[in-house]
Amino acid sequence: MLATIFSIAFNFRCGHDPLECALLKPAWKMTAVGTTGYWLLAAGVLAMCLPAAFILTLFLLPLWSWIEAAYAIESVGHSGPAEWCFWLVYGVLVAISIVALLRRRKSKPTSVAG
């Protein structure tokens, strides 16, 4: 009885057989999982940007030295690049990551093939 009610409600909602929709990932399920998946992906990308920013900041040490010499902005100390250098590189990496995620999200089809 419950399966019949589910089948009728499901057919009314998406117009397909429940088994076929389950195999094709129905639109309502993709939306909920997709949103959660993008938030998890975004959090993972932001977390992965931290070590990448640290390493890239160290690789850019000649640039920071040049900025300090040319513009007299304190960017290199006795223990390495200044904190603002790290946050600048992290901000650039995060911006690039956000643009990439938004482009990926816009390019992904939202309709169910059927």
PDB file of N, CA and C in Angstrom:
ATOM      1  N   MET A   1       0.818  -1.187   0.000  1.00  0.00           N
ATOM      2  CA  MET A   1       0.000   0.000   0.000  1.00  0.00           C
ATOM      3  C   MET A   1       0.865   1.256   0.000  1.00  0.00           C
ATOM      4  N   LEU A   2       1.866   1.287   0.878  1.00  0.00           N
ATOM      5  CA  LEU A   2       2.751   2.439   0.963  1.00  0.00           C
ATOM      6  C   LEU A   2       3.521   2.621  -0.336  1.00  0.00           C
ATOM      7  N   ALA A   3       3.953   1.511  -0.935  1.00  0.00           N
ATOM      8  CA  ALA A   3       4.680   1.589  -2.207  1.00  0.00           C
ATOM      9  C   ALA A   3       3.798   2.155  -3.303  1.00  0.00           C
ATOM     10  N   THR A   4       2.514   1.814  -3.294  1.00  0.00           N
ATOM     11  CA  THR A   4       1.591   2.337  -4.298  1.00  0.00           C
ATOM     12  C   THR A   4       1.388   3.834  -4.110  1.00  0.00           C
ATOM     13  N   ILE A   5       1.220   4.277  -2.874  1.00  0.00           N
ATOM     14  CA  ILE A   5       1.062   5.714  -2.602  1.00  0.00           C
ATOM     15  C   ILE A   5       2.331   6.449  -3.013  1.00  0.00           C
ATOM     16  N   PHE A   6       3.489   5.890  -2.661  1.00  0.00           N
ATOM     17  CA  PHE A   6       4.753   6.504  -3.041  1.00  0.00           C
ATOM     18  C   PHE A   6       4.875   6.580  -4.552  1.00  0.00           C
ATOM     19  N   SER A   7       4.487   5.511  -5.236  1.00  0.00           N
ATOM     20  CA  SER A   7       4.577   5.456  -6.688  1.00  0.00           C
ATOM     21  C   SER A   7       3.683   6.508  -7.328  1.00  0.00           C
ATOM     22  N   ILE A   8       2.454   6.637  -6.832  1.00  0.00           N
ATOM     23  CA  ILE A   8       1.529   7.628  -7.389  1.00  0.00           C
ATOM     24  C   ILE A   8       2.054   9.037  -7.130  1.00  0.00           C
ATOM     25  N   ALA A   9       2.497   9.300  -5.909  1.00  0.00           N
ATOM     26  CA  ALA A   9       3.011  10.630  -5.580  1.00  0.00           C
ATOM     27  C   ALA A   9       4.267  10.924  -6.387  1.00  0.00           C
ATOM     28  N   PHE A  10       5.107   9.941  -6.551  1.00  0.00           N
ATOM     29  CA  PHE A  10       6.353  10.150  -7.262  1.00  0.00           C
ATOM     30  C   PHE A  10       6.098  10.372  -8.748  1.00  0.00           C
ATOM     31  N   ASN A  11       5.184   9.568  -9.332  1.00  0.00           N
ATOM     32  CA  ASN A  11       4.852   9.755 -10.745  1.00  0.00           C
ATOM     33  C   ASN A  11       4.228  11.121 -10.984  1.00  0.00           C
ATOM     34  N   PHE A  12       3.413  11.572 -10.031  1.00  0.00           N
ATOM     35  CA  PHE A  12       2.799  12.879 -10.160  1.00  0.00           C
ATOM     36  C   PHE A  12       3.863  13.970 -10.120  1.00  0.00           C
ATOM     37  N   ARG A  13       4.885  13.774  -9.284  1.00  0.00           N
ATOM     38  CA  ARG A  13       5.911  14.797  -9.103  1.00  0.00           C
ATOM     39  C   ARG A  13       6.879  14.867 -10.276  1.00  0.00           C
ATOM     40  N   CYS A  14       7.391  13.743 -10.756  1.00  0.00           N
ATOM     41  CA  CYS A  14       8.415  13.811 -11.788  1.00  0.00           C
ATOM     42  C   CYS A  14       8.000  13.195 -13.115  1.00  0.00           C
ATOM     43  N   GLY A  15       6.880  12.468 -13.148  1.00  0.00           N
ATOM     44  CA  GLY A  15       6.393  11.928 -14.403  1.00  0.00           C
ATOM     45  C   GLY A  15       7.111  10.689 -14.893  1.00  0.00           C
ATOM     46  N   HIS A  16       7.878  10.035 -14.046  1.00  0.00           N
ATOM     47  CA  HIS A  16       8.611   8.833 -14.434  1.00  0.00           C
ATOM     48  C   HIS A  16       8.282   7.696 -13.475  1.00  0.00           C
ATOM     49  N   ASP A  17       8.679   6.528 -13.852  1.00  0.00           N
ATOM     50  CA  ASP A  17       8.574   5.371 -12.987  1.00  0.00           C
ATOM     51  C   ASP A  17       9.532   5.550 -11.808  1.00  0.00           C
ATOM     52  N   PRO A  18       9.139   5.203 -10.578  1.00  0.00           N
ATOM     53  CA  PRO A  18      10.011   5.399  -9.425  1.00  0.00           C
ATOM     54  C   PRO A  18      11.372   4.722  -9.561  1.00  0.00           C
ATOM     55  N   LEU A  19      11.405   3.506 -10.099  1.00  0.00           N
ATOM     56  CA  LEU A  19      12.675   2.818 -10.252  1.00  0.00           C
ATOM     57  C   LEU A  19      13.564   3.552 -11.246  1.00  0.00           C
ATOM     58  N   GLU A  20      12.964   4.003 -12.337  1.00  0.00           N
ATOM     59  CA  GLU A  20      13.727   4.738 -13.337  1.00  0.00           C
ATOM     60  C   GLU A  20      14.273   6.045 -12.745  1.00  0.00           C
ATOM     61  N   CYS A  21      13.445   6.741 -11.987  1.00  0.00           N
ATOM     62  CA  CYS A  21      13.885   7.986 -11.366  1.00  0.00           C
ATOM     63  C   CYS A  21      14.960   7.737 -10.313  1.00  0.00           C
ATOM     64  N   ALA A  22      14.830   6.647  -9.578  1.00  0.00           N
ATOM     65  CA  ALA A  22      15.841   6.339  -8.568  1.00  0.00           C
ATOM     66  C   ALA A  22      17.188   6.069  -9.217  1.00  0.00           C
ATOM     67  N   LEU A  23      17.164   5.429 -10.374  1.00  0.00           N
ATOM     68  CA  LEU A  23      18.411   5.149 -11.079  1.00  0.00           C
ATOM     69  C   LEU A  23      18.984   6.399 -11.732  1.00  0.00           C
ATOM     70  N   LEU A  24      18.114   7.327 -12.113  1.00  0.00           N
ATOM     71  CA  LEU A  24      18.560   8.550 -12.775  1.00  0.00           C
ATOM     72  C   LEU A  24      18.767   9.711 -11.819  1.00  0.00           C
ATOM     73  N   LYS A  25      18.668   9.474 -10.520  1.00  0.00           N
ATOM     74  CA  LYS A  25      18.775  10.486  -9.481  1.00  0.00           C
ATOM     75  C   LYS A  25      17.748  11.596  -9.708  1.00  0.00           C
ATOM     76  N   PRO A  26      16.597  11.476  -9.097  1.00  0.00           N
ATOM     77  CA  PRO A  26      15.538  12.455  -9.316  1.00  0.00           C
ATOM     78  C   PRO A  26      15.956  13.869  -8.960  1.00  0.00           C
ATOM     79  N   ALA A  27      15.272  14.820  -9.572  1.00  0.00           N
ATOM     80  CA  ALA A  27      15.634  16.232  -9.414  1.00  0.00           C
ATOM     81  C   ALA A  27      15.581  16.682  -7.962  1.00  0.00           C
ATOM     82  N   TRP A  28      14.567  16.256  -7.207  1.00  0.00           N
ATOM     83  CA  TRP A  28      14.463  16.712  -5.817  1.00  0.00           C
ATOM     84  C   TRP A  28      15.618  16.207  -4.984  1.00  0.00           C
ATOM     85  N   LYS A  29      16.107  14.997  -5.289  1.00  0.00           N
ATOM     86  CA  LYS A  29      17.223  14.441  -4.547  1.00  0.00           C
ATOM     87  C   LYS A  29      18.530  15.116  -4.954  1.00  0.00           C
ATOM     88  N   MET A  30      18.685  15.394  -6.230  1.00  0.00           N
ATOM     89  CA  MET A  30      19.898  16.043  -6.701  1.00  0.00           C
ATOM     90  C   MET A  30      20.033  17.445  -6.110  1.00  0.00           C
ATOM     91  N   THR A  31      18.921  18.146  -5.953  1.00  0.00           N
ATOM     92  CA  THR A  31      18.979  19.501  -5.412  1.00  0.00           C
ATOM     93  C   THR A  31      19.462  19.485  -3.973  1.00  0.00           C
ATOM     94  N   ALA A  32      18.890  18.608  -3.151  1.00  0.00           N
ATOM     95  CA  ALA A  32      19.279  18.548  -1.745  1.00  0.00           C
ATOM     96  C   ALA A  32      20.727  18.076  -1.596  1.00  0.00           C
ATOM     97  N   VAL A  33      21.070  17.006  -2.290  1.00  0.00           N
ATOM     98  CA  VAL A  33      22.432  16.476  -2.198  1.00  0.00           C
ATOM     99  C   VAL A  33      23.408  17.427  -2.862  1.00  0.00           C
ATOM    100  N   GLY A  34      23.007  18.034  -3.975  1.00  0.00           N
ATOM    101  CA  GLY A  34      23.886  18.944  -4.690  1.00  0.00           C
ATOM    102  C   GLY A  34      24.250  20.161  -3.859  1.00  0.00           C
ATOM    103  N   THR A  35      23.283  20.735  -3.155  1.00  0.00           N
ATOM    104  CA  THR A  35      23.552  21.907  -2.331  1.00  0.00           C
ATOM    105  C   THR A  35      24.490  21.546  -1.189  1.00  0.00           C
ATOM    106  N   THR A  36      24.209  20.450  -0.521  1.00  0.00           N
ATOM    107  CA  THR A  36      25.081  20.006   0.565  1.00  0.00           C
ATOM    108  C   THR A  36      26.471  19.667   0.029  1.00  0.00           C
ATOM    109  N   GLY A  37      26.497  19.018  -1.115  1.00  0.00           N
ATOM    110  CA  GLY A  37      27.776  18.659  -1.718  1.00  0.00           C
ATOM    111  C   GLY A  37      28.607  19.875  -2.076  1.00  0.00           C
ATOM    112  N   TYR A  38      27.964  20.919  -2.584  1.00  0.00           N
ATOM    113  CA  TYR A  38      28.710  22.131  -2.918  1.00  0.00           C
ATOM    114  C   TYR A  38      29.233  22.837  -1.674  1.00  0.00           C
ATOM    115  N   TRP A  39      28.455  22.827  -0.592  1.00  0.00           N
ATOM    116  CA  TRP A  39      28.953  23.435   0.639  1.00  0.00           C
ATOM    117  C   TRP A  39      30.132  22.656   1.195  1.00  0.00           C
ATOM    118  N   LEU A  40      30.058  21.337   1.136  1.00  0.00           N
ATOM    119  CA  LEU A  40      31.188  20.517   1.589  1.00  0.00           C
ATOM    120  C   LEU A  40      32.396  20.708   0.688  1.00  0.00           C
ATOM    121  N   LEU A  41      32.149  20.785  -0.612  1.00  0.00           N
ATOM    122  CA  LEU A  41      33.233  21.020  -1.551  1.00  0.00           C
ATOM    123  C   LEU A  41      33.867  22.385  -1.316  1.00  0.00           C
ATOM    124  N   ALA A  42      33.048  23.388  -1.093  1.00  0.00           N
ATOM    125  CA  ALA A  42      33.569  24.736  -0.827  1.00  0.00           C
ATOM    126  C   ALA A  42      34.398  24.759   0.455  1.00  0.00           C
ATOM    127  N   ALA A  43      33.913  24.093   1.507  1.00  0.00           N
ATOM    128  CA  ALA A  43      34.671  24.037   2.765  1.00  0.00           C
ATOM    129  C   ALA A  43      35.993  23.303   2.570  1.00  0.00           C
ATOM    130  N   GLY A  44      35.960  22.227   1.787  1.00  0.00           N
ATOM    131  CA  GLY A  44      37.195  21.491   1.507  1.00  0.00           C
ATOM    132  C   GLY A  44      38.188  22.309   0.701  1.00  0.00           C
ATOM    133  N   VAL A  45      37.678  23.057  -0.267  1.00  0.00           N
ATOM    134  CA  VAL A  45      38.567  23.899  -1.080  1.00  0.00           C
ATOM    135  C   VAL A  45      39.180  24.999  -0.218  1.00  0.00           C
ATOM    136  N   LEU A  46      38.380  25.621   0.648  1.00  0.00           N
ATOM    137  CA  LEU A  46      38.909  26.661   1.536  1.00  0.00           C
ATOM    138  C   LEU A  46      39.965  26.093   2.474  1.00  0.00           C
ATOM    139  N   ALA A  47      39.738  24.897   2.971  1.00  0.00           N
ATOM    140  CA  ALA A  47      40.722  24.261   3.855  1.00  0.00           C
ATOM    141  C   ALA A  47      41.993  23.907   3.089  1.00  0.00           C
ATOM    142  N   MET A  48      41.840  23.463   1.844  1.00  0.00           N
ATOM    143  CA  MET A  48      43.022  23.108   1.055  1.00  0.00           C
ATOM    144  C   MET A  48      43.792  24.343   0.604  1.00  0.00           C
ATOM    145  N   CYS A  49      43.149  25.494   0.574  1.00  0.00           N
ATOM    146  CA  CYS A  49      43.834  26.732   0.194  1.00  0.00           C
ATOM    147  C   CYS A  49      44.839  27.175   1.261  1.00  0.00           C
ATOM    148  N   LEU A  50      44.628  26.778   2.510  1.00  0.00           N
ATOM    149  CA  LEU A  50      45.537  27.198   3.590  1.00  0.00           C
ATOM    150  C   LEU A  50      46.970  26.708   3.378  1.00  0.00           C
ATOM    151  N   PRO A  51      47.207  25.396   3.242  1.00  0.00           N
ATOM    152  CA  PRO A  51      48.591  24.969   3.025  1.00  0.00           C
ATOM    153  C   PRO A  51      49.132  25.429   1.667  1.00  0.00           C
ATOM    154  N   ALA A  52      48.257  25.498   0.657  1.00  0.00           N
ATOM    155  CA  ALA A  52      48.698  25.962  -0.650  1.00  0.00           C
ATOM    156  C   ALA A  52      49.147  27.418  -0.570  1.00  0.00           C
ATOM    157  N   ALA A  53      48.424  28.237   0.187  1.00  0.00           N
ATOM    158  CA  ALA A  53      48.798  29.647   0.349  1.00  0.00           C
ATOM    159  C   ALA A  53      50.116  29.770   1.102  1.00  0.00           C
ATOM    160  N   PHE A  54      50.306  28.945   2.105  1.00  0.00           N
ATOM    161  CA  PHE A  54      51.564  28.984   2.868  1.00  0.00           C
ATOM    162  C   PHE A  54      52.753  28.658   1.963  1.00  0.00           C
ATOM    163  N   ILE A  55      52.633  27.592   1.190  1.00  0.00           N
ATOM    164  CA  ILE A  55      53.728  27.180   0.303  1.00  0.00           C
ATOM    165  C   ILE A  55      53.960  28.218  -0.785  1.00  0.00           C
ATOM    166  N   LEU A  56      52.896  28.717  -1.385  1.00  0.00           N
ATOM    167  CA  LEU A  56      53.023  29.719  -2.445  1.00  0.00           C
ATOM    168  C   LEU A  56      53.614  31.021  -1.911  1.00  0.00           C
ATOM    169  N   THR A  57      53.264  31.385  -0.686  1.00  0.00           N
ATOM    170  CA  THR A  57      53.834  32.592  -0.072  1.00  0.00           C
ATOM    171  C   THR A  57      55.347  32.445   0.085  1.00  0.00           C
ATOM    172  N   LEU A  58      55.788  31.266   0.470  1.00  0.00           N
ATOM    173  CA  LEU A  58      57.229  31.039   0.592  1.00  0.00           C
ATOM    174  C   LEU A  58      57.918  31.055  -0.774  1.00  0.00           C
ATOM    175  N   PHE A  59      57.265  30.484  -1.788  1.00  0.00           N
ATOM    176  CA  PHE A  59      57.844  30.501  -3.130  1.00  0.00           C
ATOM    177  C   PHE A  59      57.917  31.921  -3.701  1.00  0.00           C
ATOM    178  N   LEU A  60      57.024  32.792  -3.247  1.00  0.00           N
ATOM    179  CA  LEU A  60      57.014  34.174  -3.726  1.00  0.00           C
ATOM    180  C   LEU A  60      57.918  35.093  -2.902  1.00  0.00           C
ATOM    181  N   LEU A  61      58.811  34.526  -2.125  1.00  0.00           N
ATOM    182  CA  LEU A  61      59.722  35.329  -1.293  1.00  0.00           C
ATOM    183  C   LEU A  61      60.511  36.357  -2.106  1.00  0.00           C
ATOM    184  N   PRO A  62      61.010  36.026  -3.315  1.00  0.00           N
ATOM    185  CA  PRO A  62      61.687  37.075  -4.103  1.00  0.00           C
ATOM    186  C   PRO A  62      60.760  38.257  -4.450  1.00  0.00           C
ATOM    187  N   LEU A  63      59.496  37.971  -4.706  1.00  0.00           N
ATOM    188  CA  LEU A  63      58.536  39.046  -4.980  1.00  0.00           C
ATOM    189  C   LEU A  63      58.343  39.920  -3.755  1.00  0.00           C
ATOM    190  N   TRP A  64      58.207  39.297  -2.594  1.00  0.00           N
ATOM    191  CA  TRP A  64      58.014  40.079  -1.371  1.00  0.00           C
ATOM    192  C   TRP A  64      59.259  40.916  -1.064  1.00  0.00           C
ATOM    193  N   SER A  65      60.441  40.378  -1.330  1.00  0.00           N
ATOM    194  CA  SER A  65      61.674  41.148  -1.129  1.00  0.00           C
ATOM    195  C   SER A  65      61.734  42.344  -2.076  1.00  0.00           C
ATOM    196  N   TRP A  66      61.321  42.137  -3.313  1.00  0.00           N
ATOM    197  CA  TRP A  66      61.308  43.227  -4.289  1.00  0.00           C
ATOM    198  C   TRP A  66      60.306  44.311  -3.878  1.00  0.00           C
ATOM    199  N   ILE A  67      59.131  43.901  -3.393  1.00  0.00           N
ATOM    200  CA  ILE A  67      58.128  44.877  -2.942  1.00  0.00           C
ATOM    201  C   ILE A  67      58.660  45.676  -1.769  1.00  0.00           C
ATOM    202  N   GLU A  68      59.368  45.011  -0.867  1.00  0.00           N
ATOM    203  CA  GLU A  68      59.932  45.721   0.279  1.00  0.00           C
ATOM    204  C   GLU A  68      61.003  46.718  -0.153  1.00  0.00           C
ATOM    205  N   ALA A  69      61.854  46.316  -1.092  1.00  0.00           N
ATOM    206  CA  ALA A  69      62.913  47.207  -1.556  1.00  0.00           C
ATOM    207  C   ALA A  69      62.359  48.357  -2.401  1.00  0.00           C
ATOM    208  N   ALA A  70      61.387  48.077  -3.252  1.00  0.00           N
ATOM    209  CA  ALA A  70      60.890  49.102  -4.168  1.00  0.00           C
ATOM    210  C   ALA A  70      59.916  50.071  -3.509  1.00  0.00           C
ATOM    211  N   TYR A  71      59.065  49.592  -2.626  1.00  0.00           N
ATOM    212  CA  TYR A  71      58.004  50.435  -2.083  1.00  0.00           C
ATOM    213  C   TYR A  71      58.137  50.693  -0.579  1.00  0.00           C
ATOM    214  N   ALA A  72      59.150  50.169   0.049  1.00  0.00           N
ATOM    215  CA  ALA A  72      59.410  50.347   1.486  1.00  0.00           C
ATOM    216  C   ALA A  72      58.228  49.866   2.335  1.00  0.00           C
ATOM    217  N   ILE A  73      57.596  48.796   1.888  1.00  0.00           N
ATOM    218  CA  ILE A  73      56.520  48.163   2.659  1.00  0.00           C
ATOM    219  C   ILE A  73      57.119  46.934   3.329  1.00  0.00           C
ATOM    220  N   GLU A  74      57.010  46.877   4.638  1.00  0.00           N
ATOM    221  CA  GLU A  74      57.573  45.753   5.381  1.00  0.00           C
ATOM    222  C   GLU A  74      56.875  44.457   4.976  1.00  0.00           C
ATOM    223  N   SER A  75      57.569  43.630   4.191  1.00  0.00           N
ATOM    224  CA  SER A  75      56.962  42.386   3.737  1.00  0.00           C
ATOM    225  C   SER A  75      57.813  41.160   4.039  1.00  0.00           C
ATOM    226  N   VAL A  76      59.071  41.351   4.396  1.00  0.00           N
ATOM    227  CA  VAL A  76      59.932  40.218   4.735  1.00  0.00           C
ATOM    228  C   VAL A  76      60.628  40.532   6.046  1.00  0.00           C
ATOM    229  N   GLY A  77      60.465  39.632   6.992  1.00  0.00           N
ATOM    230  CA  GLY A  77      61.124  39.792   8.283  1.00  0.00           C
ATOM    231  C   GLY A  77      62.184  38.716   8.471  1.00  0.00           C
ATOM    232  N   HIS A  78      62.673  38.604   9.682  1.00  0.00           N
ATOM    233  CA  HIS A  78      63.712  37.614   9.964  1.00  0.00           C
ATOM    234  C   HIS A  78      63.163  36.184   9.917  1.00  0.00           C
ATOM    235  N   SER A  79      61.848  36.024  10.055  1.00  0.00           N
ATOM    236  CA  SER A  79      61.269  34.679  10.049  1.00  0.00           C
ATOM    237  C   SER A  79      60.490  34.367   8.771  1.00  0.00           C
ATOM    238  N   GLY A  80      60.635  35.188   7.743  1.00  0.00           N
ATOM    239  CA  GLY A  80      59.959  34.915   6.478  1.00  0.00           C
ATOM    240  C   GLY A  80      59.018  36.041   6.090  1.00  0.00           C
ATOM    241  N   PRO A  81      58.144  35.777   5.153  1.00  0.00           N
ATOM    242  CA  PRO A  81      57.210  36.805   4.695  1.00  0.00           C
ATOM    243  C   PRO A  81      56.277  37.275   5.815  1.00  0.00           C
ATOM    244  N   ALA A  82      55.827  38.512   5.688  1.00  0.00           N
ATOM    245  CA  ALA A  82      54.913  39.077   6.675  1.00  0.00           C
ATOM    246  C   ALA A  82      53.550  38.393   6.589  1.00  0.00           C
ATOM    247  N   GLU A  83      52.758  38.598   7.621  1.00  0.00           N
ATOM    248  CA  GLU A  83      51.445  37.955   7.688  1.00  0.00           C
ATOM    249  C   GLU A  83      50.532  38.430   6.566  1.00  0.00           C
ATOM    250  N   TRP A  84      50.624  39.715   6.210  1.00  0.00           N
ATOM    251  CA  TRP A  84      49.742  40.225   5.158  1.00  0.00           C
ATOM    252  C   TRP A  84      50.033  39.559   3.817  1.00  0.00           C
ATOM    253  N   CYS A  85      51.263  39.118   3.606  1.00  0.00           N
ATOM    254  CA  CYS A  85      51.603  38.410   2.364  1.00  0.00           C
ATOM    255  C   CYS A  85      50.837  37.090   2.277  1.00  0.00           C
ATOM    256  N   PHE A  86      50.798  36.370   3.402  1.00  0.00           N
ATOM    257  CA  PHE A  86      50.064  35.110   3.443  1.00  0.00           C
ATOM    258  C   PHE A  86      48.580  35.340   3.171  1.00  0.00           C
ATOM    259  N   TRP A  87      47.997  36.343   3.840  1.00  0.00           N
ATOM    260  CA  TRP A  87      46.566  36.585   3.672  1.00  0.00           C
ATOM    261  C   TRP A  87      46.232  37.070   2.271  1.00  0.00           C
ATOM    262  N   LEU A  88      47.135  37.800   1.651  1.00  0.00           N
ATOM    263  CA  LEU A  88      46.921  38.224   0.267  1.00  0.00           C
ATOM    264  C   LEU A  88      46.899  37.015  -0.669  1.00  0.00           C
ATOM    265  N   VAL A  89      47.871  36.138  -0.522  1.00  0.00           N
ATOM    266  CA  VAL A  89      47.926  34.934  -1.361  1.00  0.00           C
ATOM    267  C   VAL A  89      46.716  34.047  -1.086  1.00  0.00           C
ATOM    268  N   TYR A  90      46.339  33.902   0.178  1.00  0.00           N
ATOM    269  CA  TYR A  90      45.163  33.093   0.523  1.00  0.00           C
ATOM    270  C   TYR A  90      43.896  33.688  -0.099  1.00  0.00           C
ATOM    271  N   GLY A  91      43.756  34.998  -0.038  1.00  0.00           N
ATOM    272  CA  GLY A  91      42.588  35.660  -0.634  1.00  0.00           C
ATOM    273  C   GLY A  91      42.511  35.456  -2.131  1.00  0.00           C
ATOM    274  N   VAL A  92      43.647  35.525  -2.805  1.00  0.00           N
ATOM    275  CA  VAL A  92      43.672  35.295  -4.254  1.00  0.00           C
ATOM    276  C   VAL A  92      43.295  33.848  -4.562  1.00  0.00           C
ATOM    277  N   LEU A  93      43.847  32.907  -3.824  1.00  0.00           N
ATOM    278  CA  LEU A  93      43.502  31.492  -4.042  1.00  0.00           C
ATOM    279  C   LEU A  93      42.026  31.218  -3.780  1.00  0.00           C
ATOM    280  N   VAL A  94      41.483  31.811  -2.732  1.00  0.00           N
ATOM    281  CA  VAL A  94      40.060  31.622  -2.423  1.00  0.00           C
ATOM    282  C   VAL A  94      39.200  32.232  -3.525  1.00  0.00           C
ATOM    283  N   ALA A  95      39.556  33.425  -4.002  1.00  0.00           N
ATOM    284  CA  ALA A  95      38.792  34.063  -5.078  1.00  0.00           C
ATOM    285  C   ALA A  95      38.800  33.205  -6.340  1.00  0.00           C
ATOM    286  N   ILE A  96      39.951  32.680  -6.701  1.00  0.00           N
ATOM    287  CA  ILE A  96      40.047  31.807  -7.872  1.00  0.00           C
ATOM    288  C   ILE A  96      39.204  30.551  -7.663  1.00  0.00           C
ATOM    289  N   SER A  97      39.242  29.997  -6.457  1.00  0.00           N
ATOM    290  CA  SER A  97      38.464  28.793  -6.158  1.00  0.00           C
ATOM    291  C   SER A  97      36.963  29.057  -6.220  1.00  0.00           C
ATOM    292  N   ILE A  98      36.527  30.199  -5.701  1.00  0.00           N
ATOM    293  CA  ILE A  98      35.104  30.535  -5.734  1.00  0.00           C
ATOM    294  C   ILE A  98      34.628  30.709  -7.169  1.00  0.00           C
ATOM    295  N   VAL A  99      35.422  31.392  -7.981  1.00  0.00           N
ATOM    296  CA  VAL A  99      35.054  31.560  -9.393  1.00  0.00           C
ATOM    297  C   VAL A  99      34.969  30.197 -10.082  1.00  0.00           C
ATOM    298  N   ALA A 100      35.916  29.328  -9.802  1.00  0.00           N
ATOM    299  CA  ALA A 100      35.898  27.995 -10.413  1.00  0.00           C
ATOM    300  C   ALA A 100      34.676  27.190  -9.960  1.00  0.00           C
ATOM    301  N   LEU A 101      34.326  27.269  -8.663  1.00  0.00           N
ATOM    302  CA  LEU A 101      33.153  26.550  -8.165  1.00  0.00           C
ATOM    303  C   LEU A 101      31.863  27.095  -8.774  1.00  0.00           C
ATOM    304  N   LEU A 102      31.756  28.409  -8.892  1.00  0.00           N
ATOM    305  CA  LEU A 102      30.551  29.001  -9.468  1.00  0.00           C
ATOM    306  C   LEU A 102      30.415  28.636 -10.940  1.00  0.00           C
ATOM    307  N   ARG A 103      31.513  28.629 -11.653  1.00  0.00           N
ATOM    308  CA  ARG A 103      31.455  28.225 -13.060  1.00  0.00           C
ATOM    309  C   ARG A 103      31.077  26.765 -13.190  1.00  0.00           C
ATOM    310  N   ARG A 104      31.597  25.936 -12.305  1.00  0.00           N
ATOM    311  CA  ARG A 104      31.268  24.510 -12.330  1.00  0.00           C
ATOM    312  C   ARG A 104      29.791  24.303 -12.019  1.00  0.00           C
ATOM    313  N   ARG A 105      29.276  25.067 -11.067  1.00  0.00           N
ATOM    314  CA  ARG A 105      27.876  24.919 -10.679  1.00  0.00           C
ATOM    315  C   ARG A 105      26.944  25.390 -11.792  1.00  0.00           C
ATOM    316  N   LYS A 106      27.293  26.461 -12.489  1.00  0.00           N
ATOM    317  CA  LYS A 106      26.461  26.968 -13.563  1.00  0.00           C
ATOM    318  C   LYS A 106      26.498  26.044 -14.775  1.00  0.00           C
ATOM    319  N   SER A 107      27.606  25.390 -15.014  1.00  0.00           N
ATOM    320  CA  SER A 107      27.722  24.539 -16.191  1.00  0.00           C
ATOM    321  C   SER A 107      27.088  23.164 -16.003  1.00  0.00           C
ATOM    322  N   LYS A 108      26.757  22.797 -14.762  1.00  0.00           N
ATOM    323  CA  LYS A 108      26.188  21.487 -14.482  1.00  0.00           C
ATOM    324  C   LYS A 108      24.701  21.480 -14.862  1.00  0.00           C
ATOM    325  N   PRO A 109      24.243  20.483 -15.622  1.00  0.00           N
ATOM    326  CA  PRO A 109      22.824  20.441 -16.004  1.00  0.00           C
ATOM    327  C   PRO A 109      21.946  20.189 -14.774  1.00  0.00           C
ATOM    328  N   THR A 110      20.763  20.824 -14.777  1.00  0.00           N
ATOM    329  CA  THR A 110      19.858  20.682 -13.641  1.00  0.00           C
ATOM    330  C   THR A 110      18.667  19.796 -13.936  1.00  0.00           C
ATOM    331  N   SER A 111      18.435  19.447 -15.184  1.00  0.00           N
ATOM    332  CA  SER A 111      17.271  18.630 -15.511  1.00  0.00           C
ATOM    333  C   SER A 111      17.616  17.152 -15.501  1.00  0.00           C
ATOM    334  N   VAL A 112      16.614  16.337 -15.282  1.00  0.00           N
ATOM    335  CA  VAL A 112      16.777  14.884 -15.269  1.00  0.00           C
ATOM    336  C   VAL A 112      16.512  14.366 -16.676  1.00  0.00           C
ATOM    337  N   ALA A 113      17.427  13.568 -17.177  1.00  0.00           N
ATOM    338  CA  ALA A 113      17.242  12.990 -18.522  1.00  0.00           C
ATOM    339  C   ALA A 113      16.130  11.947 -18.449  1.00  0.00           C
ATOM    340  N   GLY A 114      15.306  11.920 -19.425  1.00  0.00           N
ATOM    341  CA  GLY A 114      14.248  10.942 -19.330  1.00  0.00           C
ATOM    342  C   GLY A 114      13.602  10.763 -20.609  1.00  0.00           C
TER     343      GLY A 114
END
